[in-house]
């Protein structure tokens, strides 16, 4: 068996130290994602097509890429919470003819995969074509089920798609399904004109020179293993980040999966608290104000503290009534001019809303509609509804009855009395009413009884049908 090529101690040490510094600096904006409770799975998709035999500075492209990748695998092997795998394409069938199925998972994810990857890389010989789309499609099955895993693809290639597939479409589908995060693509001595062909696949880096390839690989691995700090500024009407104490849901913009739930907090320094986010995820942030505020395509900048800002000026609404009859009653809150129910709020309880105008629908008898209620920044808007009265309906017999409120000389229906009850008590808003009743056994309409009465705030009256 061929022995692994030894590297000078100083070069190996420099590589490990450089990689460690990338993981740790700057401490404020980068936090390692490697931990026993969190696994990062990195699948290297390696180009072994015929063109990789071409000369690139001191050696062939495949030799240089192989040795640099082996050094990186050596470094990653020392870290906890990392699993590696290797898929290779273009190494099984020569060209011509062109074999677009020439892609294979050579080393699956396992604890022993680093040593297997090193061995496999040593014996690769470039032979065939470049089926990138097919390789990415099959890569979906290379990641087994795992709830606490981040799945990352690093594609290393010197050429564009040579078959009929669309790598951009495949990459988008993988991200949309939540199978992988946005892939990395490292081009080896590629023409810059090919950048558009790879930008749509993922984060593209082009290594024009050998030393640039190693530098880019270090940066890519650093981004794959580190999260980045961020904060969300909830702005008031003056543009200041004073709003807080609201839940924020962070979704993966592509897959729609929930990544984080954070309750917004102002820290002891008076600033929005620092969050730790994955720089490989494009987020949709739903701030659970009423109504909610959404930030789309929210991206953190790797290695830098990112600030997101959302306009979320809020005020408080409370509906009060000087009576216990409405205790626990809930009413509907809508944006003025809209029909969507934003909230079911309980009377006497306070709730915050984005500043603006709202319509309230309160299920008293009769129903109260209060429109155009102003919610102002940092103020409490109090709506007081009239204190109701209690009306007891007493019937000589069971029967049919309806209740109407008199407004502008018109009878407006508000309630049908219980046909099976001889005594019924209702809590009614103050006003003038008519009640119309006919007993169940009366077979002629002439026996219909009409009663007019008035309800006063806090009053109690009886209405009799004899």
Protein backbone atom coordinates (compact mmCIF):
# COMPACT_ATOMS: atom_id res chain seq x y z
CA UNK A 1 0.00 0.00 0.00
CA UNK A 2 1.26 3.44 -0.86
CA UNK A 3 2.30 5.46 2.17
CA UNK A 4 0.83 8.88 2.82
CA UNK A 5 3.19 11.57 1.64
CA UNK A 6 4.92 13.30 4.51
CA UNK A 7 4.86 17.10 4.71
CA UNK A 8 7.51 19.28 6.32
CA UNK A 9 6.68 19.89 9.97
CA UNK A 10 6.82 23.68 9.60
CA UNK A 11 4.36 23.67 6.70
CA UNK A 12 1.93 21.38 8.55
CA UNK A 13 2.19 23.52 11.69
CA UNK A 14 1.61 26.70 9.67
CA UNK A 15 -1.50 25.18 8.10
CA UNK A 16 -3.00 24.13 11.44
CA UNK A 17 -2.19 27.45 13.13
CA UNK A 18 -3.62 29.40 10.20
CA UNK A 19 -6.80 27.30 10.25
CA UNK A 20 -7.14 27.76 14.03
CA UNK A 21 -6.81 31.52 13.72
CA UNK A 22 -9.52 31.56 11.09
CA UNK A 23 -11.81 29.74 13.48
CA UNK A 24 -11.15 32.04 16.40
CA UNK A 25 -10.76 35.56 14.96
CA UNK A 26 -12.56 37.84 15.53
CA UNK A 27 -14.10 36.38 18.66
CA UNK A 28 -17.00 38.86 18.77
CA UNK A 29 -18.34 38.10 15.32
CA UNK A 30 -17.53 34.40 15.00
CA UNK A 31 -18.59 31.54 17.24
CA UNK A 32 -17.67 27.93 16.50
CA UNK A 33 -20.53 25.64 15.55
CA UNK A 34 -18.56 22.51 16.39
CA UNK A 35 -19.88 20.86 19.55
CA UNK A 36 -20.89 17.40 20.79
CA UNK A 37 -24.57 18.37 20.48
CA UNK A 38 -24.27 19.81 16.99
CA UNK A 39 -22.81 18.01 13.97
CA UNK A 40 -21.55 19.69 10.81
CA UNK A 41 -21.40 17.26 7.89
CA UNK A 42 -19.18 18.33 5.00
CA UNK A 43 -19.41 16.50 1.68
CA UNK A 44 -16.48 17.22 -0.64
CA UNK A 45 -17.54 16.81 -4.30
CA UNK A 46 -14.21 16.45 -6.07
CA UNK A 47 -13.55 16.86 -9.78
CA UNK A 48 -11.43 14.02 -11.24
CA UNK A 49 -12.36 14.68 -14.86
CA UNK A 50 -9.78 14.52 -17.65
CA UNK A 51 -9.04 18.26 -17.53
CA UNK A 52 -7.77 17.96 -13.95
CA UNK A 53 -4.65 16.27 -15.38
CA UNK A 54 -3.66 19.61 -16.88
CA UNK A 55 -0.64 21.53 -15.60
CA UNK A 56 -1.25 24.23 -12.98
CA UNK A 57 1.86 26.07 -11.90
CA UNK A 58 4.18 23.52 -10.18
CA UNK A 59 2.16 20.35 -10.77
CA UNK A 60 -1.06 18.99 -12.24
CA UNK A 61 -4.34 20.45 -11.02
CA UNK A 62 -5.43 17.21 -9.39
CA UNK A 63 -2.11 16.77 -7.55
CA UNK A 64 -2.18 20.27 -6.09
CA UNK A 65 -5.88 20.10 -5.16
CA UNK A 66 -5.42 16.62 -3.68
CA UNK A 67 -2.51 17.55 -1.41
CA UNK A 68 -4.15 20.77 -0.15
CA UNK A 69 -7.43 18.97 0.52
CA UNK A 70 -5.59 16.21 2.41
CA UNK A 71 -3.98 18.81 4.66
CA UNK A 72 -7.40 20.27 5.35
CA UNK A 73 -8.81 16.84 6.18
CA UNK A 74 -5.90 16.39 8.61
CA UNK A 75 -6.92 19.58 10.41
CA UNK A 76 -10.63 18.80 10.44
CA UNK A 77 -9.97 15.35 11.84
CA UNK A 78 -8.86 16.97 15.10
CA UNK A 79 -12.17 18.79 15.67
CA UNK A 80 -15.27 17.53 17.48
CA UNK A 81 -18.69 17.64 15.86
CA UNK A 82 -17.36 17.24 12.30
CA UNK A 83 -18.18 14.45 9.86
CA UNK A 84 -16.64 14.22 6.38
CA UNK A 85 -17.51 12.40 3.16
CA UNK A 86 -16.16 12.35 -0.38
CA UNK A 87 -17.99 12.12 -3.70
CA UNK A 88 -15.90 12.02 -6.88
CA UNK A 89 -16.90 12.43 -10.51
CA UNK A 90 -15.09 11.86 -13.81
CA UNK A 91 -12.77 9.14 -12.47
CA UNK A 92 -14.37 5.88 -13.61
CA UNK A 93 -14.93 6.17 -17.38
CA UNK A 94 -12.58 7.71 -19.96
CA UNK A 95 -13.58 10.20 -22.64
CA UNK A 96 -14.52 9.56 -25.33
CA UNK A 97 -17.19 8.37 -24.98
CA UNK A 98 -18.84 10.70 -22.49
CA UNK A 99 -20.30 9.01 -19.41
CA UNK A 100 -22.61 11.45 -17.60
CA UNK A 101 -23.33 8.88 -14.89
CA UNK A 102 -19.67 8.87 -13.83
CA UNK A 103 -20.11 10.01 -10.22
CA UNK A 104 -19.79 8.01 -7.04
CA UNK A 105 -19.86 8.42 -3.27
CA UNK A 106 -16.40 7.04 -2.57
CA UNK A 107 -16.31 7.67 1.18
CA UNK A 108 -19.58 7.97 3.14
CA UNK A 109 -19.94 9.83 6.44
CA UNK A 110 -18.36 7.90 9.32
CA UNK A 111 -15.89 8.33 12.16
CA UNK A 112 -13.14 6.73 10.09
CA UNK A 113 -13.84 8.74 6.94
CA UNK A 114 -10.81 11.11 7.17
CA UNK A 115 -8.31 8.27 6.73
CA UNK A 116 -10.43 6.76 3.95
CA UNK A 117 -10.65 10.14 2.18
CA UNK A 118 -6.87 10.55 2.29
CA UNK A 119 -6.35 7.11 0.84
CA UNK A 120 -8.96 7.56 -1.89
CA UNK A 121 -7.55 10.93 -2.95
CA UNK A 122 -4.05 9.46 -3.32
CA UNK A 123 -5.18 6.95 -5.94
CA UNK A 124 -7.50 9.15 -8.02
CA UNK A 125 -6.63 9.47 -11.70
CA UNK A 126 -8.47 12.00 -13.91
CA UNK A 127 -10.20 10.26 -16.80
CA UNK A 128 -13.70 11.36 -17.71
CA UNK A 129 -16.28 14.12 -18.06
CA UNK A 130 -17.87 16.70 -15.72
CA UNK A 131 -21.41 15.70 -14.58
CA UNK A 132 -21.86 18.35 -11.88
CA UNK A 133 -25.67 18.39 -11.89
CA UNK A 134 -25.92 14.62 -11.62
CA UNK A 135 -23.35 14.61 -8.80
CA UNK A 136 -25.31 17.20 -6.84
CA UNK A 137 -28.57 15.32 -7.43
CA UNK A 138 -27.11 12.09 -6.05
CA UNK A 139 -25.45 13.99 -3.20
CA UNK A 140 -28.91 14.44 -1.69
CA UNK A 141 -28.82 10.77 -0.70
CA UNK A 142 -25.31 11.03 0.73
CA UNK A 143 -26.67 12.79 3.83
CA UNK A 144 -28.60 10.42 6.06
CA UNK A 145 -31.37 11.59 8.43
CA UNK A 146 -30.09 13.80 11.26
CA UNK A 147 -32.06 16.36 13.30
CA UNK A 148 -29.07 18.31 14.65
CA UNK A 149 -26.90 18.31 11.53
CA UNK A 150 -25.81 21.09 9.21
CA UNK A 151 -25.25 19.59 5.76
CA UNK A 152 -22.68 21.36 3.60
CA UNK A 153 -21.39 20.64 0.10
CA UNK A 154 -17.98 21.90 -1.05
CA UNK A 155 -17.59 21.45 -4.81
CA UNK A 156 -14.01 21.57 -6.12
CA UNK A 157 -13.82 21.75 -9.92
CA UNK A 158 -11.87 23.12 -12.86
CA UNK A 159 -14.72 23.08 -15.36
CA UNK A 160 -18.38 23.79 -15.92
CA UNK A 161 -21.19 21.29 -16.45
CA UNK A 162 -20.39 19.06 -19.43
CA UNK A 163 -23.66 17.12 -19.52
CA UNK A 164 -27.29 18.10 -19.97
CA UNK A 165 -28.10 18.80 -16.31
CA UNK A 166 -28.64 22.21 -14.69
CA UNK A 167 -26.47 22.48 -11.54
CA UNK A 168 -28.15 25.74 -10.52
CA UNK A 169 -31.61 24.17 -10.59
CA UNK A 170 -30.40 21.13 -8.64
CA UNK A 171 -28.68 23.26 -6.00
CA UNK A 172 -31.79 25.38 -5.55
CA UNK A 173 -33.93 22.26 -5.12
CA UNK A 174 -31.54 20.84 -2.49
CA UNK A 175 -31.71 24.08 -0.52
CA UNK A 176 -35.48 24.40 -0.97
CA UNK A 177 -35.98 20.93 0.47
CA UNK A 178 -33.69 21.76 3.39
CA UNK A 179 -31.29 18.94 2.49
CA UNK A 180 -28.21 21.19 2.42
CA UNK A 181 -27.24 24.74 3.18
CA UNK A 182 -26.00 26.95 0.37
CA UNK A 183 -23.09 25.04 -1.23
CA UNK A 184 -19.56 26.31 -1.73
CA UNK A 185 -17.87 26.12 -5.13
CA UNK A 186 -14.09 26.44 -5.47
CA UNK A 187 -12.90 26.88 -9.03
CA UNK A 188 -9.38 25.78 -9.94
CA UNK A 189 -7.80 28.19 -12.42
CA UNK A 190 -11.18 28.97 -13.95
CA UNK A 191 -11.91 31.71 -16.46
CA UNK A 192 -13.78 34.57 -14.77
CA UNK A 193 -16.32 34.39 -17.59
CA UNK A 194 -17.59 31.19 -15.94
CA UNK A 195 -18.49 32.95 -12.68
CA UNK A 196 -22.17 33.31 -13.62
CA UNK A 197 -22.36 29.56 -14.17
CA UNK A 198 -21.34 28.93 -10.56
CA UNK A 199 -22.75 31.90 -8.62
CA UNK A 200 -26.21 30.41 -8.95
CA UNK A 201 -25.00 27.11 -7.47
CA UNK A 202 -23.63 28.61 -4.27
CA UNK A 203 -20.88 30.73 -2.77
CA UNK A 204 -18.29 30.78 -5.57
CA UNK A 205 -14.57 31.36 -5.16
CA UNK A 206 -12.04 31.18 -8.00
CA UNK A 207 -8.46 30.15 -7.20
CA UNK A 208 -6.23 31.58 -9.89
CA UNK A 209 -3.05 30.31 -8.21
CA UNK A 210 -2.01 27.39 -6.04
CA UNK A 211 -1.53 29.41 -2.85
CA UNK A 212 -4.88 31.10 -3.47
CA UNK A 213 -6.61 27.71 -3.52
CA UNK A 214 -5.35 26.86 -0.03
CA UNK A 215 -6.34 30.29 1.26
CA UNK A 216 -9.85 29.97 -0.21
CA UNK A 217 -10.30 26.46 1.19
CA UNK A 218 -9.39 27.76 4.65
CA UNK A 219 -11.92 30.60 4.31
CA UNK A 220 -14.63 28.23 3.10
CA UNK A 221 -14.05 25.80 5.98
CA UNK A 222 -14.03 28.71 8.43
CA UNK A 223 -17.42 29.85 7.14
CA UNK A 224 -18.72 26.29 7.27
CA UNK A 225 -17.73 25.84 10.91
CA UNK A 226 -18.39 29.27 12.37
CA UNK A 227 -21.58 31.13 13.11
CA UNK A 228 -21.69 34.92 13.09
CA UNK A 229 -23.07 37.41 15.57
CA UNK A 230 -25.98 39.67 14.72
CA UNK A 231 -28.64 41.84 16.32
CA UNK A 232 -32.13 42.92 15.37
CA UNK A 233 -32.97 46.57 15.92
CA UNK A 234 -36.70 47.12 16.38
CA UNK A 235 -37.11 50.77 15.48
CA UNK A 236 -39.61 53.21 16.94
CA UNK A 237 -41.05 56.13 14.96
CA UNK A 238 -37.89 58.16 15.67
CA UNK A 239 -35.73 55.43 14.12
CA UNK A 240 -34.30 54.39 17.48
CA UNK A 241 -33.98 50.71 18.53
CA UNK A 242 -36.15 51.05 21.63
CA UNK A 243 -38.81 48.42 20.90
CA UNK A 244 -38.32 45.00 22.50
CA UNK A 245 -39.94 42.03 24.29
CA UNK A 246 -41.37 40.38 21.21
CA UNK A 247 -40.75 36.92 19.78
CA UNK A 248 -38.77 36.61 16.53
CA UNK A 249 -38.96 33.48 14.37
CA UNK A 250 -36.02 32.85 12.03
CA UNK A 251 -36.92 30.71 9.00
CA UNK A 252 -34.63 29.32 6.33
CA UNK A 253 -35.66 31.46 3.35
CA UNK A 254 -35.28 28.53 0.95
CA UNK A 255 -36.71 25.56 2.84
CA UNK A 256 -39.14 27.43 5.12
CA UNK A 257 -37.90 25.44 8.12
CA UNK A 258 -37.71 27.18 11.49
CA UNK A 259 -34.10 27.71 12.53
CA UNK A 260 -34.45 29.83 15.67
CA UNK A 261 -36.95 31.32 18.09
CA UNK A 262 -35.62 34.32 20.01
CA UNK A 263 -37.49 36.63 22.35
CA UNK A 264 -36.10 40.08 21.63
CA UNK A 265 -34.23 41.55 24.58
CA UNK A 266 -32.47 44.80 25.42
CA UNK A 267 -29.28 43.88 27.26
CA UNK A 268 -27.83 45.51 30.36
CA UNK A 269 -26.01 48.05 28.16
CA UNK A 270 -29.28 49.24 26.65
CA UNK A 271 -28.64 47.61 23.25
CA UNK A 272 -30.52 44.85 21.43
CA UNK A 273 -29.03 41.57 22.57
CA UNK A 274 -26.47 39.72 20.44
CA UNK A 275 -27.65 36.65 18.53
CA UNK A 276 -25.55 33.84 17.05
CA UNK A 277 -26.58 32.94 13.47
CA UNK A 278 -25.39 30.64 10.73
CA UNK A 279 -23.80 32.65 7.87
CA UNK A 280 -24.71 29.94 5.37
CA UNK A 281 -28.44 30.44 5.90
CA UNK A 282 -30.51 33.15 4.22
CA UNK A 283 -33.18 34.00 6.78
CA UNK A 284 -36.75 35.21 6.71
CA UNK A 285 -37.32 36.88 10.06
CA UNK A 286 -40.91 37.16 11.25
CA UNK A 287 -41.18 39.59 14.16
CA UNK A 288 -44.32 38.66 16.05
CA UNK A 289 -45.69 42.13 16.64
CA UNK A 290 -49.38 42.72 15.91
CA UNK A 291 -49.49 42.75 12.95
CA UNK A 292 -46.21 40.93 12.36
CA UNK A 293 -43.26 42.56 10.61
CA UNK A 294 -41.23 40.46 8.17
CA UNK A 295 -37.62 40.83 7.03
CA UNK A 296 -36.91 38.80 3.88
CA UNK A 297 -33.55 37.68 2.49
CA UNK A 298 -31.77 38.51 5.75
CA UNK A 299 -28.12 37.51 5.38
CA UNK A 300 -25.37 37.76 7.94
CA UNK A 301 -21.92 38.74 6.73
CA UNK A 302 -19.42 35.99 7.64
CA UNK A 303 -16.96 37.13 10.24
CA UNK A 304 -18.73 40.46 10.88
CA UNK A 305 -21.37 41.60 13.35
CA UNK A 306 -24.52 42.10 11.27
CA UNK A 307 -27.32 44.48 12.23
CA UNK A 308 -30.85 43.98 10.94
CA UNK A 309 -33.33 46.81 11.29
CA UNK A 310 -37.13 46.60 11.24
CA UNK A 311 -39.69 49.35 11.63
CA UNK A 312 -41.75 48.22 14.61
CA UNK A 313 -43.16 51.29 16.43
CA UNK A 314 -45.74 50.16 18.98
CA UNK A 315 -48.38 51.47 21.30
CA UNK A 316 -50.81 49.82 23.70
CA UNK A 317 -54.56 49.18 23.49
CA UNK A 318 -56.92 48.39 26.34
CA UNK A 319 -60.74 48.25 26.34
CA UNK A 320 -62.38 48.88 29.70
CA UNK A 321 -65.89 48.80 31.14
CA UNK A 322 -66.98 49.61 34.66
CA UNK A 323 -68.78 46.32 35.20
CA UNK A 324 -67.93 42.67 35.88
CA UNK A 325 -70.57 41.42 33.43
CA UNK A 326 -68.04 41.39 30.59
CA UNK A 327 -65.22 39.69 32.50
CA UNK A 328 -63.35 37.34 30.14
CA UNK A 329 -65.13 38.63 27.03
CA UNK A 330 -62.91 38.73 23.94
CA UNK A 331 -63.22 41.15 21.06
CA UNK A 332 -61.84 41.25 17.51
CA UNK A 333 -59.10 43.66 16.45
CA UNK A 334 -58.61 44.40 12.76
CA UNK A 335 -56.51 46.86 10.80
CA UNK A 336 -58.76 49.70 9.67
CA UNK A 337 -60.10 48.94 6.23
CA UNK A 338 -59.18 45.24 6.41
CA UNK A 339 -61.13 42.11 7.25
CA UNK A 340 -58.29 39.98 8.63
CA UNK A 341 -58.60 39.28 12.35
CA UNK A 342 -55.30 40.33 13.90
CA UNK A 343 -56.12 39.43 17.47
CA UNK A 344 -58.79 38.28 19.88
CA UNK A 345 -58.13 40.50 22.88
CA UNK A 346 -59.71 40.16 26.30
CA UNK A 347 -61.48 43.13 27.84
CA UNK A 348 -59.42 44.93 30.52
CA UNK A 349 -56.18 43.30 29.31
CA UNK A 350 -53.49 45.37 27.57
CA UNK A 351 -51.86 44.44 24.25
CA UNK A 352 -49.29 46.15 22.05
CA UNK A 353 -49.88 46.93 18.37
CA UNK A 354 -47.92 48.52 15.56
CA UNK A 355 -48.88 52.18 15.45
CA UNK A 356 -51.80 53.03 13.19
CA UNK A 357 -55.61 52.80 13.04
CA UNK A 358 -57.60 49.76 14.09
CA UNK A 359 -61.23 48.65 14.09
CA UNK A 360 -62.73 46.84 17.08
CA UNK A 361 -65.67 44.43 17.02
CA UNK A 362 -66.97 43.77 20.54
CA UNK A 363 -69.55 40.94 20.89
CA UNK A 364 -71.85 42.69 23.32
CA UNK A 365 -75.61 42.70 22.75
CA UNK A 366 -76.02 44.57 20.53
CA UNK A 367 -72.57 44.21 18.95
CA UNK A 368 -70.33 47.26 19.21
CA UNK A 369 -68.18 48.31 16.25
CA UNK A 370 -65.64 50.96 17.12
CA UNK A 371 -63.65 52.06 14.08
CA UNK A 372 -60.52 54.12 13.55
CA UNK A 373 -58.96 53.65 16.98
CA UNK A 374 -55.55 55.35 16.99
CA UNK A 375 -52.54 53.49 18.42
CA UNK A 376 -49.71 55.95 19.02
CA UNK A 377 -46.03 55.40 19.72
CA UNK A 378 -45.34 54.42 23.34
CA UNK A 379 -48.82 55.51 24.44
CA UNK A 380 -51.74 53.59 25.89
CA UNK A 381 -55.04 54.04 24.05
CA UNK A 382 -57.95 53.30 26.38
CA UNK A 383 -61.39 52.61 24.91
CA UNK A 384 -64.24 52.68 27.41
CA UNK A 385 -67.47 50.98 26.47
CA UNK A 386 -70.79 51.74 28.20
CA UNK A 387 -71.68 49.84 31.32
CA UNK A 388 -74.46 47.37 30.45
CA UNK A 389 -77.78 46.69 32.11
CA UNK A 390 -79.48 43.44 33.02
CA UNK A 391 -82.85 42.54 31.47
CA UNK A 392 -84.89 39.52 32.60
CA UNK A 393 -87.53 38.25 30.19
CA UNK A 394 -90.46 36.46 31.87
CA UNK A 395 -92.86 34.52 29.64
CA UNK A 396 -96.24 33.04 30.50
CA UNK A 397 -95.34 30.13 28.25
CA UNK A 398 -92.50 29.05 26.05
CA UNK A 399 -92.49 30.54 22.58
CA UNK A 400 -90.81 32.52 19.87
CA UNK A 401 -89.28 35.92 20.58
CA UNK A 402 -86.94 38.44 18.97
CA UNK A 403 -85.13 41.43 20.40
CA UNK A 404 -84.53 44.70 18.51
CA UNK A 405 -82.64 47.90 19.30
CA UNK A 406 -84.24 51.17 18.19
CA UNK A 407 -81.87 53.43 16.28
CA UNK A 408 -82.99 56.47 14.27
CA UNK A 409 -86.57 55.20 14.28
CA UNK A 410 -85.57 51.83 12.89
CA UNK A 411 -85.73 48.38 14.44
CA UNK A 412 -82.38 46.53 14.21
CA UNK A 413 -82.44 42.86 15.11
CA UNK A 414 -79.93 41.87 17.78
CA UNK A 415 -81.04 38.58 19.36
CA UNK A 416 -83.53 35.69 19.27
CA UNK A 417 -84.93 34.61 22.65
CA UNK A 418 -84.66 31.00 23.77
CA UNK A 419 -87.74 29.21 22.45
CA UNK A 420 -87.64 26.58 25.24
CA UNK A 421 -87.18 28.86 28.22
CA UNK A 422 -89.81 30.78 30.20
CA UNK A 423 -87.25 32.95 31.99
CA UNK A 424 -84.15 34.41 30.33
CA UNK A 425 -81.65 37.04 31.52
CA UNK A 426 -79.58 39.09 29.07
CA UNK A 427 -76.79 41.64 29.54
CA UNK A 428 -77.60 44.48 27.14
CA UNK A 429 -75.94 47.71 26.18
CA UNK A 430 -77.81 50.91 27.18
CA UNK A 431 -80.47 51.95 24.69
CA UNK A 432 -84.12 51.70 23.60
CA UNK A 433 -85.42 48.24 22.67
CA UNK A 434 -88.46 46.36 21.46
CA UNK A 435 -89.17 42.69 22.17
CA UNK A 436 -91.64 40.74 20.05
CA UNK A 437 -93.09 37.45 21.36
CA UNK A 438 -95.65 34.76 20.49
CA UNK A 439 -96.29 31.71 22.65
CA UNK A 440 -95.62 28.28 21.23
CA UNK A 441 -99.26 27.19 21.50
CA UNK A 442 -100.78 30.32 19.98
CA UNK A 443 -101.97 29.42 16.48
CA UNK A 444 -102.86 32.96 15.35
CA UNK A 445 -100.48 35.86 14.67
CA UNK A 446 -102.89 38.23 16.45
CA UNK A 447 -101.54 36.86 19.74
CA UNK A 448 -98.13 38.41 19.09
CA UNK A 449 -97.02 40.60 22.02
CA UNK A 450 -94.69 43.62 21.65
CA UNK A 451 -92.91 45.26 24.59
CA UNK A 452 -90.86 48.48 24.49
CA UNK A 453 -88.28 49.12 27.20
CA UNK A 454 -85.15 51.12 27.98
CA UNK A 455 -81.85 49.84 29.36
CA UNK A 456 -79.83 52.18 31.57
CA UNK A 457 -76.12 51.75 32.47
CA UNK A 458 -75.96 49.41 35.48
CA UNK A 459 -79.74 49.10 35.59
CA UNK A 460 -81.90 45.98 36.02
CA UNK A 461 -85.41 45.56 34.68
CA UNK A 462 -87.93 42.83 33.89
CA UNK A 463 -89.92 42.45 30.68
CA UNK A 464 -93.04 40.31 30.96
CA UNK A 465 -95.06 38.58 28.26
CA UNK A 466 -98.59 37.87 29.58
